[in-house]
């Protein structure tokens, strides 16, 4: 059974930093692409960042230069380091992986105050 558990959300002032973690189980972690999505109130869920099994990364334009996705295959964990946070980054952040279907974590709230 695939499980994704996110940690690290919270309330931070604009310009601050947070680090999200997602611990995965039930998958061959080292062979999978891992993603972070987010969903703000009243908006569609959007892809924020992804990291391939080889370590290649991709980001949505609005977070480039501020967010960094990384992975630790020994810990089956993917991270999202978020710096220079803006109020528009406020959302629920979800960890995601594609197996026989899409799998999602429970989400972690990130709130950035102005």
Protein backbone atom coordinates (compact mmCIF):
# COMPACT_ATOMS: atom_id res chain seq x y z
CA UNK A 1 0.00 0.00 0.00
CA UNK A 2 1.43 3.35 -1.06
CA UNK A 3 1.56 6.00 1.65
CA UNK A 4 2.82 9.57 1.42
CA UNK A 5 3.07 11.62 4.60
CA UNK A 6 3.96 15.30 4.48
CA UNK A 7 5.55 17.33 7.29
CA UNK A 8 6.76 20.85 7.79
CA UNK A 9 3.96 23.23 6.94
CA UNK A 10 3.12 26.21 9.10
CA UNK A 11 2.71 29.96 9.37
CA UNK A 12 5.56 32.19 8.27
CA UNK A 13 6.01 35.85 7.46
CA UNK A 14 6.69 36.99 3.92
CA UNK A 15 10.35 36.59 3.11
CA UNK A 16 10.70 33.63 5.43
CA UNK A 17 11.50 29.99 4.75
CA UNK A 18 9.96 26.59 5.32
CA UNK A 19 11.09 23.08 4.51
CA UNK A 20 8.51 20.46 3.62
CA UNK A 21 9.22 16.74 3.84
CA UNK A 22 7.34 13.81 2.35
CA UNK A 23 8.04 10.30 3.58
CA UNK A 24 7.02 7.59 1.11
CA UNK A 25 6.36 3.91 1.63
CA UNK A 26 4.99 1.10 -0.49
CA UNK A 27 6.92 2.14 -3.59
CA UNK A 28 10.39 1.58 -4.99
CA UNK A 29 11.26 5.14 -4.11
CA UNK A 30 14.57 5.34 -5.94
CA UNK A 31 12.89 4.48 -9.24
CA UNK A 32 10.07 7.00 -9.11
CA UNK A 33 9.56 10.62 -10.01
CA UNK A 34 8.25 12.60 -7.05
CA UNK A 35 6.28 15.82 -7.25
CA UNK A 36 4.99 18.59 -5.04
CA UNK A 37 1.66 20.20 -5.87
CA UNK A 38 -0.25 22.95 -4.14
CA UNK A 39 -3.82 24.14 -4.00
CA UNK A 40 -4.82 27.60 -2.88
CA UNK A 41 -8.40 28.40 -1.82
CA UNK A 42 -10.65 28.68 -4.84
CA UNK A 43 -7.93 27.61 -7.25
CA UNK A 44 -7.02 24.43 -9.06
CA UNK A 45 -4.26 22.21 -7.80
CA UNK A 46 -1.00 23.07 -9.57
CA UNK A 47 2.33 21.35 -10.01
CA UNK A 48 5.04 23.19 -8.09
CA UNK A 49 8.14 21.05 -8.56
CA UNK A 50 9.22 17.59 -9.61
CA UNK A 51 12.34 15.48 -9.29
CA UNK A 52 13.12 12.45 -11.42
CA UNK A 53 14.74 9.25 -10.22
CA UNK A 54 17.98 10.56 -11.70
CA UNK A 55 17.73 13.84 -9.81
CA UNK A 56 16.61 16.10 -12.64
CA UNK A 57 14.34 18.86 -11.37
CA UNK A 58 11.66 21.08 -12.80
CA UNK A 59 9.74 24.00 -11.33
CA UNK A 60 6.77 26.12 -12.14
CA UNK A 61 7.86 29.60 -13.16
CA UNK A 62 6.48 31.34 -10.08
CA UNK A 63 8.81 29.46 -7.70
CA UNK A 64 12.00 29.26 -9.77
CA UNK A 65 14.96 30.61 -7.85
CA UNK A 66 13.08 30.42 -4.53
CA UNK A 67 12.13 26.75 -4.09
CA UNK A 68 14.39 23.70 -4.26
CA UNK A 69 13.19 20.11 -4.51
CA UNK A 70 15.52 17.32 -3.43
CA UNK A 71 15.37 13.67 -2.48
CA UNK A 72 17.09 11.24 -0.14
CA UNK A 73 16.69 7.74 -1.52
CA UNK A 74 18.12 6.23 1.67
CA UNK A 75 15.27 7.77 3.66
CA UNK A 76 12.55 7.43 0.99
CA UNK A 77 11.93 11.14 1.47
CA UNK A 78 11.48 14.09 -0.85
CA UNK A 79 11.93 17.66 0.34
CA UNK A 80 10.80 21.08 -0.76
CA UNK A 81 12.91 23.95 0.56
CA UNK A 82 10.93 27.16 0.20
CA UNK A 83 12.75 30.48 0.57
CA UNK A 84 11.66 34.08 0.07
CA UNK A 85 8.08 33.05 0.63
CA UNK A 86 5.29 35.30 -0.61
CA UNK A 87 1.65 35.55 0.46
CA UNK A 88 0.68 34.05 -2.89
CA UNK A 89 2.51 30.86 -1.89
CA UNK A 90 -0.20 30.25 0.70
CA UNK A 91 -1.78 26.89 -0.09
CA UNK A 92 -2.09 23.29 0.95
CA UNK A 93 0.97 21.46 -0.37
CA UNK A 94 0.68 17.84 -1.49
CA UNK A 95 3.23 15.19 -2.22
CA UNK A 96 2.44 13.11 -5.32
CA UNK A 97 3.66 10.00 -7.06
CA UNK A 98 2.37 8.03 -10.01
CA UNK A 99 2.18 4.28 -9.61
CA UNK A 100 -0.64 2.12 -10.92
CA UNK A 101 -2.64 5.30 -10.26
CA UNK A 102 -2.00 8.75 -8.80
CA UNK A 103 -1.15 8.76 -5.11
CA UNK A 104 -1.41 11.83 -2.88
CA UNK A 105 -0.40 12.69 0.64
CA UNK A 106 -2.83 14.24 3.10
CA UNK A 107 -1.46 17.72 2.47
CA UNK A 108 0.23 20.25 4.72
CA UNK A 109 -0.91 23.85 5.10
CA UNK A 110 1.53 26.64 4.30
CA UNK A 111 0.39 30.14 5.23
CA UNK A 112 2.49 33.19 4.41
CA UNK A 113 1.49 36.43 6.09
CA UNK A 114 2.23 39.83 4.60
